[in-house]
Amino acid sequence: MKEMPITVRRAIEITGLFFLGWIIVLGRGLLAPLLMAFFISIMLLPVYRFFRNRKFPEAVAIGVSLLALIVALGLIIWFFSSQISILIRDFPAIQKNVMQHLNSLSSWIGSHTPFSSQEQINFISEQSNNMLTYAGGLLGGVAGGVTGTVIFIGLLPIYIFLLLFYKNLLLRFVFLWFPRESHEKVEETLGEMQVIIKSYLFGLLIQITYMTILLGGILMLIGIKHALLIGIIFAFLNLIPYVGALLGNIIGVLLTLASSSELWPIVAVLGTIAAVQFVDNNILMPRIVGSKVKINALATIVGVIVGGEIAGIAGMFLSLPVIAMLKVVFDRSEQFKQWGVLFGDERPTLSPMGVPVLRWDTKAVRQKLEQENEIEPPFEGKKGDRPEKEQG
């Protein structure tokens, strides 16, 4: 049989990606909670196995694991709501500080621009009316968003239970897609994906904890009001690559500005966030998550934006583990290795235009690039090193 031309194969791949993206956009209401449930179920596997090893019935083990998850989420929501209630109690002081800052800003604008105080008031009044009109038009969308969120949260425990209950059936389904001679490579790929997802997600949980304690604790020692609230908001927003850290800084500054009549706390908050983030990015997180899969910044930013467009905040959070999963699959597939290179961070120091060896897909070249970029080699699937197999 005549081999298909490379241009035709690439055209089919791009066409397939287009239709896959179209299907994802159309089915995002179903896929977003299903994908979130998939990642959470992988995190719950150690808890599930703990109870299964103690002879708990399968349904009971899954139910207890879900109960532990619900309790943990309930504690997080309780802590966050308690901090919000403190913020609400301070609303009169916040209103006073905001007015003081606005008056100072108005005086500065009046002294450096031709706009008088009355013109500034008229401008603010006009913009406020426009914002109220815009907000009124968004009320229907907000109601729909609340409904969607309730459905999302309601579907999560159902999906998690079913994914854990039917995990062996789903694994059999995956293996039946491939010929028997490829099953060992499929097993290695699934094992590597499980290890990477668990290390990444558990690392994020640890990161949320120490970021809240470290950032909130330092800000409390400095004397910043609502320090713990700033810490927990920044810790959760920091889960969204690049974009989340920027939003966390902005919210931290706004909370500090509203809670203080002075400007030095803003400098203290920004400096503390920068120091904590430096320690997190360069010391703590690399040791917690590891470096088996590195995604380059371009793929990360594009993935976050695309994920946000498809599924909002949940899509932005899920973008990085999804890209990591795809890179593992692409790296082990002969047909799609070039996509693994596109997502990865194995950046050559020299140009493939001048060094032809960098154009080749060889193991030696890949290992050299991984060493240059300090990336651990992928899991090779040796018998003694394979992840623990499924129990029950």
Protein backbone atom coordinates (compact mmCIF):
# COMPACT_ATOMS: atom_id res chain seq x y z
CA MET A 1 0.00 0.00 0.00
CA LYS A 2 1.36 3.40 -1.00
CA GLU A 3 2.38 5.60 1.94
CA MET A 4 0.39 8.79 2.43
CA PRO A 5 2.34 11.98 1.51
CA ILE A 6 3.59 13.97 4.50
CA THR A 7 1.70 17.12 3.44
CA VAL A 8 -1.58 15.19 3.33
CA ARG A 9 -0.90 13.72 6.79
CA ARG A 10 -0.19 17.17 8.23
CA ALA A 11 -3.33 18.58 6.60
CA ILE A 12 -5.39 15.76 8.13
CA GLU A 13 -3.82 16.42 11.56
CA ILE A 14 -4.64 20.13 11.42
CA THR A 15 -8.17 19.42 10.21
CA GLY A 16 -8.61 16.90 13.02
CA LEU A 17 -7.38 19.47 15.57
CA PHE A 18 -9.89 22.00 14.22
CA PHE A 19 -12.83 19.61 14.54
CA LEU A 20 -11.60 18.43 17.96
CA GLY A 21 -11.52 22.04 19.15
CA TRP A 22 -15.00 22.61 17.71
CA ILE A 23 -16.34 19.56 19.56
CA ILE A 24 -14.70 20.75 22.81
CA VAL A 25 -16.27 24.21 22.49
CA LEU A 26 -19.71 22.76 21.75
CA GLY A 27 -19.48 20.24 24.61
CA ARG A 28 -17.67 22.41 27.19
CA GLY A 29 -20.64 22.22 29.59
CA LEU A 30 -20.17 18.44 29.76
CA LEU A 31 -16.39 18.20 29.34
CA ALA A 32 -15.30 20.79 31.95
CA PRO A 33 -16.85 19.03 35.01
CA LEU A 34 -15.88 15.62 33.56
CA LEU A 35 -12.26 16.68 33.16
CA MET A 36 -12.18 18.25 36.62
CA ALA A 37 -13.67 15.06 38.06
CA PHE A 38 -11.02 13.01 36.25
CA PHE A 39 -8.17 14.96 37.89
CA ILE A 40 -9.81 14.91 41.32
CA SER A 41 -10.44 11.16 41.06
CA ILE A 42 -6.72 10.62 40.38
CA MET A 43 -5.94 12.63 43.52
CA LEU A 44 -8.38 10.50 45.51
CA LEU A 45 -6.84 7.22 44.36
CA PRO A 46 -4.43 6.97 47.35
CA VAL A 47 -7.33 7.51 49.79
CA TYR A 48 -9.48 5.01 47.90
CA ARG A 49 -6.70 2.42 47.90
CA PHE A 50 -6.12 2.97 51.62
CA PHE A 51 -9.68 1.92 52.42
CA ARG A 52 -9.72 -0.88 49.81
CA ASN A 53 -6.58 -2.38 51.36
CA ARG A 54 -8.52 -2.52 54.64
CA LYS A 55 -11.24 -4.64 53.00
CA PHE A 56 -13.81 -1.85 52.65
CA PRO A 57 -16.42 -2.54 49.94
CA GLU A 58 -15.64 -0.64 46.76
CA ALA A 59 -18.67 1.67 46.91
CA VAL A 60 -18.01 2.43 50.60
CA ALA A 61 -14.34 3.21 49.91
CA ILE A 62 -15.34 5.63 47.14
CA GLY A 63 -18.03 7.20 49.36
CA VAL A 64 -15.60 7.74 52.25
CA SER A 65 -13.04 9.26 49.85
CA LEU A 66 -15.69 11.65 48.52
CA LEU A 67 -16.71 12.53 52.09
CA ALA A 68 -13.08 13.39 52.93
CA LEU A 69 -12.96 15.63 49.85
CA ILE A 70 -16.22 17.38 50.79
CA VAL A 71 -14.98 17.98 54.36
CA ALA A 72 -11.71 19.46 53.06
CA LEU A 73 -13.57 21.75 50.64
CA GLY A 74 -16.01 22.73 53.40
CA LEU A 75 -13.12 23.79 55.66
CA ILE A 76 -11.63 25.89 52.86
CA ILE A 77 -14.99 27.57 52.16
CA TRP A 78 -15.53 28.20 55.90
CA PHE A 79 -12.08 29.79 56.26
CA PHE A 80 -12.58 31.98 53.19
CA SER A 81 -16.08 33.08 54.24
CA SER A 82 -14.82 33.97 57.76
CA GLN A 83 -12.20 36.26 56.21
CA ILE A 84 -14.82 37.84 53.94
CA SER A 85 -17.08 38.49 56.95
CA ILE A 86 -14.22 40.36 58.65
CA LEU A 87 -13.81 42.45 55.50
CA ILE A 88 -17.55 43.26 55.48
CA ARG A 89 -17.44 44.35 59.11
CA ASP A 90 -14.70 46.84 58.22
CA PHE A 91 -16.76 48.33 55.38
CA PRO A 92 -17.30 51.80 57.02
CA ALA A 93 -13.54 52.21 57.51
CA ILE A 94 -12.91 50.96 53.97
CA GLN A 95 -15.40 53.48 52.58
CA LYS A 96 -13.66 56.28 54.51
CA ASN A 97 -10.20 55.25 53.25
CA VAL A 98 -11.40 54.98 49.65
CA MET A 99 -12.88 58.48 49.77
CA GLN A 100 -9.64 59.81 51.25
CA HIS A 101 -7.59 58.23 48.45
CA LEU A 102 -10.02 59.53 45.82
CA ASN A 103 -9.77 63.07 47.24
CA SER A 104 -5.98 62.86 47.20
CA LEU A 105 -6.05 61.60 43.61
CA SER A 106 -8.47 64.37 42.63
CA SER A 107 -6.17 67.02 44.16
CA TRP A 108 -3.17 65.57 42.34
CA ILE A 109 -5.05 65.52 39.01
CA GLY A 110 -6.25 69.11 39.58
CA SER A 111 -2.71 70.33 40.23
CA HIS A 112 -1.12 68.56 37.25
CA THR A 113 -3.91 68.77 34.62
CA PRO A 114 -6.41 71.43 33.45
CA PHE A 115 -9.37 69.37 34.78
CA SER A 116 -11.14 70.99 37.72
CA SER A 117 -12.71 69.09 40.63
CA GLN A 118 -16.20 69.67 39.20
CA GLU A 119 -15.17 68.29 35.81
CA GLN A 120 -13.72 65.24 37.51
CA ILE A 121 -16.96 64.70 39.47
CA ASN A 122 -19.02 65.00 36.27
CA PHE A 123 -16.73 62.50 34.51
CA ILE A 124 -16.97 60.00 37.40
CA SER A 125 -20.76 60.40 37.51
CA GLU A 126 -21.05 59.78 33.77
CA GLN A 127 -18.84 56.69 33.92
CA SER A 128 -20.78 55.39 36.93
CA ASN A 129 -24.05 55.62 34.99
CA ASN A 130 -22.46 53.75 32.08
CA MET A 131 -21.21 51.07 34.43
CA LEU A 132 -24.65 50.69 36.01
CA THR A 133 -26.22 50.28 32.57
CA TYR A 134 -23.59 47.71 31.63
CA ALA A 135 -24.04 45.86 34.93
CA GLY A 136 -27.79 45.73 34.39
CA GLY A 137 -27.26 44.11 31.02
CA LEU A 138 -25.02 41.50 32.65
CA LEU A 139 -27.56 40.42 35.28
CA GLY A 140 -29.07 37.78 33.01
CA GLY A 141 -25.63 36.44 32.20
CA VAL A 142 -24.69 36.34 35.88
CA ALA A 143 -27.85 34.37 36.68
CA GLY A 144 -26.98 31.91 33.94
CA GLY A 145 -23.42 31.70 35.28
CA VAL A 146 -24.67 30.91 38.78
CA THR A 147 -26.92 28.20 37.37
CA GLY A 148 -24.01 26.76 35.40
CA THR A 149 -21.80 26.79 38.51
CA VAL A 150 -24.44 24.97 40.56
CA ILE A 151 -24.79 22.32 37.83
CA PHE A 152 -20.99 22.06 37.61
CA ILE A 153 -20.62 21.50 41.37
CA GLY A 154 -23.58 19.11 41.45
CA LEU A 155 -22.16 16.94 38.67
CA LEU A 156 -18.65 16.72 40.15
CA PRO A 157 -19.30 14.15 42.94
CA ILE A 158 -21.41 12.02 40.57
CA TYR A 159 -18.66 11.98 37.96
CA ILE A 160 -15.95 11.29 40.55
CA PHE A 161 -17.88 8.34 41.98
CA LEU A 162 -18.54 6.84 38.54
CA LEU A 163 -14.96 7.36 37.32
CA LEU A 164 -13.56 5.57 40.38
CA PHE A 165 -16.20 2.83 40.22
CA TYR A 166 -15.68 2.14 36.49
CA LYS A 167 -11.94 2.84 36.33
CA ASN A 168 -11.03 -0.75 35.35
CA LEU A 169 -13.67 -0.76 32.61
CA LEU A 170 -12.31 2.57 31.28
CA LEU A 171 -8.75 1.22 31.31
CA ARG A 172 -9.88 -1.86 29.35
CA PHE A 173 -11.59 0.48 26.87
CA VAL A 174 -8.29 2.37 26.39
CA PHE A 175 -6.23 -0.80 25.86
CA LEU A 176 -8.73 -2.17 23.31
CA TRP A 177 -8.03 0.84 21.09
CA PHE A 178 -4.47 -0.40 20.47
CA PRO A 179 -2.95 -3.62 19.10
CA ARG A 180 -1.53 -6.08 21.64
CA GLU A 181 2.09 -5.30 20.71
CA SER A 182 1.53 -1.66 21.79
CA HIS A 183 0.00 -2.46 25.19
CA GLU A 184 3.29 -2.19 27.08
CA LYS A 185 3.89 1.31 25.72
CA VAL A 186 0.27 2.24 26.51
CA GLU A 187 0.73 0.99 30.07
CA GLU A 188 3.91 3.05 30.45
CA THR A 189 2.17 6.15 29.09
CA LEU A 190 -0.82 5.75 31.44
CA GLY A 191 1.50 5.19 34.40
CA GLU A 192 3.55 8.26 33.57
CA MET A 193 0.43 10.39 33.13
CA GLN A 194 -0.87 9.25 36.53
CA VAL A 195 2.44 10.05 38.25
CA ILE A 196 2.68 13.49 36.63
CA ILE A 197 -0.93 14.46 37.34
CA LYS A 198 -0.73 13.32 40.98
CA SER A 199 2.59 15.07 41.61
CA TYR A 200 1.31 18.26 39.95
CA LEU A 201 -2.07 18.39 41.71
CA PHE A 202 -0.76 17.38 45.13
CA GLY A 203 1.99 19.94 44.62
CA LEU A 204 -0.68 22.60 44.00
CA LEU A 205 -2.44 21.67 47.25
CA ILE A 206 0.82 21.98 49.16
CA GLN A 207 1.50 25.25 47.35
CA ILE A 208 -1.88 26.72 48.34
CA THR A 209 -1.21 25.80 51.97
CA TYR A 210 2.29 27.21 52.31
CA MET A 211 1.52 30.30 50.18
CA THR A 212 -1.44 31.16 52.41
CA ILE A 213 0.54 30.59 55.61
CA LEU A 214 3.77 32.21 54.40
CA LEU A 215 2.29 35.25 52.65
CA GLY A 216 -0.54 35.77 55.15
CA GLY A 217 1.80 35.27 58.12
CA ILE A 218 4.42 37.75 56.88
CA LEU A 219 1.75 40.36 56.08
CA MET A 220 0.24 39.87 59.57
CA LEU A 221 3.67 40.44 61.17
CA ILE A 222 4.10 43.62 59.12
CA GLY A 223 0.68 44.80 60.33
CA ILE A 224 -1.32 44.63 57.08
CA LYS A 225 -5.07 44.35 57.58
CA HIS A 226 -6.86 41.37 56.00
CA ALA A 227 -3.48 39.65 55.59
CA LEU A 228 -4.91 36.12 55.58
CA LEU A 229 -7.55 37.05 53.00
CA ILE A 230 -4.86 38.49 50.71
CA GLY A 231 -2.80 35.34 51.26
CA ILE A 232 -5.57 32.87 50.40
CA ILE A 233 -6.80 34.88 47.39
CA PHE A 234 -3.28 35.10 45.98
CA ALA A 235 -2.61 31.41 46.71
CA PHE A 236 -5.67 30.30 44.72
CA LEU A 237 -5.20 32.78 41.86
CA ASN A 238 -1.55 31.72 41.63
CA LEU A 239 -2.81 28.33 40.39
CA ILE A 240 -3.58 30.03 37.07
CA PRO A 241 -0.18 30.37 35.33
CA TYR A 242 1.04 33.94 34.72
CA VAL A 243 -2.43 35.55 34.63
CA GLY A 244 -3.33 34.52 38.20
CA ALA A 245 -0.25 36.09 39.80
CA LEU A 246 -1.02 39.43 38.10
CA LEU A 247 -4.65 39.34 39.30
CA GLY A 248 -3.48 38.37 42.79
CA ASN A 249 -1.16 41.39 42.94
CA ILE A 250 -3.94 43.72 41.77
CA ILE A 251 -6.47 42.39 44.31
CA GLY A 252 -3.87 42.52 47.09
CA VAL A 253 -3.10 46.17 46.30
CA LEU A 254 -6.81 47.10 46.11
CA LEU A 255 -7.58 45.42 49.47
CA THR A 256 -4.61 47.13 51.09
CA LEU A 257 -5.47 50.50 49.56
CA ALA A 258 -9.06 50.22 50.77
CA SER A 259 -8.04 49.12 54.28
CA SER A 260 -5.37 51.76 54.97
CA SER A 261 -5.17 55.53 54.70
CA GLU A 262 -1.41 55.35 54.03
CA LEU A 263 0.51 54.24 50.96
CA TRP A 264 3.46 52.38 52.54
CA PRO A 265 1.42 49.18 53.11
CA ILE A 266 1.03 48.86 49.32
CA VAL A 267 4.81 48.80 48.88
CA ALA A 268 5.05 46.26 51.71
CA VAL A 269 2.39 44.02 50.14
CA LEU A 270 3.97 44.13 46.65
CA GLY A 271 7.44 43.51 48.08
CA THR A 272 6.23 40.58 50.21
CA ILE A 273 4.32 39.01 47.31
CA ALA A 274 7.38 39.35 45.05
CA ALA A 275 9.68 37.75 47.65
CA VAL A 276 7.29 34.88 48.42
CA GLN A 277 6.71 34.26 44.72
CA PHE A 278 10.46 34.19 44.06
CA VAL A 279 10.96 31.58 46.80
CA ASP A 280 7.96 29.61 45.48
CA ASN A 281 9.01 29.62 41.81
CA ASN A 282 12.72 28.98 42.30
CA ILE A 283 13.06 26.90 45.48
CA LEU A 284 9.86 25.30 46.80
CA MET A 285 7.68 24.42 43.79
CA PRO A 286 10.41 22.80 41.63
CA ARG A 287 11.25 20.46 44.52
CA ILE A 288 7.61 19.61 45.23
CA VAL A 289 6.31 19.08 41.69
CA GLY A 290 9.57 18.03 40.06
CA SER A 291 10.62 18.62 36.46
CA LYS A 292 9.58 15.50 34.52
CA VAL A 293 7.46 17.59 32.15
CA LYS A 294 8.27 21.21 31.43
CA ILE A 295 5.86 23.26 29.35
CA ASN A 296 7.24 26.34 27.63
CA ALA A 297 5.84 29.75 28.47
CA LEU A 298 4.27 30.32 25.04
CA ALA A 299 2.28 27.07 25.18
CA THR A 300 1.29 27.81 28.78
CA ILE A 301 -0.04 31.31 28.07
CA VAL A 302 -1.88 30.24 24.92
CA GLY A 303 -3.30 27.21 26.80
CA VAL A 304 -4.50 29.40 29.68
CA ILE A 305 -6.21 31.85 27.31
CA VAL A 306 -7.82 29.08 25.23
CA GLY A 307 -8.90 27.24 28.40
CA GLY A 308 -10.42 30.46 29.76
CA GLU A 309 -12.31 31.07 26.53
CA ILE A 310 -13.68 27.51 26.54
CA ALA A 311 -14.54 26.96 30.21
CA GLY A 312 -13.79 30.13 32.18
CA ILE A 313 -11.81 29.91 35.43
CA ALA A 314 -12.05 26.11 35.50
CA GLY A 315 -10.59 25.95 31.99
CA MET A 316 -7.69 28.23 32.95
CA PHE A 317 -6.90 26.02 35.95
CA LEU A 318 -7.16 22.78 33.95
CA SER A 319 -5.11 24.02 31.00
CA LEU A 320 -1.67 23.16 32.37
CA PRO A 321 -2.35 19.55 33.48
CA VAL A 322 -4.17 18.93 30.17
CA ILE A 323 -1.17 20.21 28.20
CA ALA A 324 1.14 18.07 30.37
CA MET A 325 -0.99 14.99 29.62
CA LEU A 326 -0.98 15.75 25.89
CA LYS A 327 2.80 16.20 25.91
CA VAL A 328 3.28 12.78 27.55
CA VAL A 329 1.09 11.18 24.85
CA PHE A 330 2.73 13.11 22.01
CA ASP A 331 6.27 12.31 23.19
CA ARG A 332 5.48 8.57 23.08
CA SER A 333 3.70 8.69 19.71
CA GLU A 334 5.73 8.42 16.51
CA GLN A 335 3.09 10.34 14.55
CA PHE A 336 2.72 13.31 16.92
CA LYS A 337 6.22 13.83 18.38
CA GLN A 338 6.50 17.24 16.74
CA TRP A 339 3.55 18.45 18.87
CA GLY A 340 5.37 17.28 22.00
CA VAL A 341 8.35 19.40 20.91
CA LEU A 342 6.03 22.40 20.36
CA PHE A 343 4.63 22.13 23.91
CA GLY A 344 7.94 21.32 25.60
CA ASP A 345 10.74 23.48 26.98
CA GLU A 346 13.65 21.58 25.40
CA ARG A 347 14.92 24.78 23.76
CA PRO A 348 18.05 24.41 21.55
CA THR A 349 20.74 27.02 22.17
CA LEU A 350 21.65 26.89 18.46
CA SER A 351 19.40 27.34 15.43
CA PRO A 352 18.25 24.25 13.49
CA MET A 353 18.78 26.41 10.38
CA GLY A 354 22.54 26.24 10.94
CA VAL A 355 22.85 22.91 12.78
CA PRO A 356 21.10 20.18 10.75
CA VAL A 357 21.33 17.60 13.57
CA LEU A 358 18.76 19.62 15.53
CA ARG A 359 16.22 18.89 12.78
CA TRP A 360 16.40 15.14 13.42
CA ASP A 361 14.16 13.16 15.71
CA THR A 362 16.74 11.02 17.51
CA LYS A 363 17.09 9.86 21.10
CA ALA A 364 20.58 11.34 21.40
CA VAL A 365 19.42 14.81 20.35
CA ARG A 366 16.45 14.68 22.72
CA GLN A 367 18.62 13.61 25.67
CA LYS A 368 21.12 16.38 24.93
CA LEU A 369 18.37 19.03 24.91
CA GLU A 370 16.88 17.65 28.14
CA GLN A 371 20.28 17.89 29.84
CA GLU A 372 20.81 21.45 28.60
CA ASN A 373 17.40 22.51 29.94
CA GLU A 374 17.67 20.52 33.22
CA ILE A 375 14.66 18.33 32.43
CA GLU A 376 14.36 14.88 33.95
CA PRO A 377 14.02 12.13 31.32
CA PRO A 378 10.53 10.63 30.95
CA PHE A 379 9.55 7.47 32.76
CA GLU A 380 11.13 4.61 30.85
CA GLY A 381 8.81 1.87 32.08
CA LYS A 382 11.29 -0.50 33.71
CA LYS A 383 9.64 -3.27 35.65
CA GLY A 384 10.95 -2.22 39.03
CA ASP A 385 10.15 1.45 38.53
CA ARG A 386 6.57 1.30 37.30
CA PRO A 387 3.90 3.03 39.39
CA GLU A 388 1.81 0.86 41.66
CA LYS A 389 -0.86 -0.94 39.67
CA GLU A 390 -4.53 -0.47 40.34
CA GLN A 391 -5.93 -2.28 43.33
CA GLY A 392 -9.53 -3.51 43.29
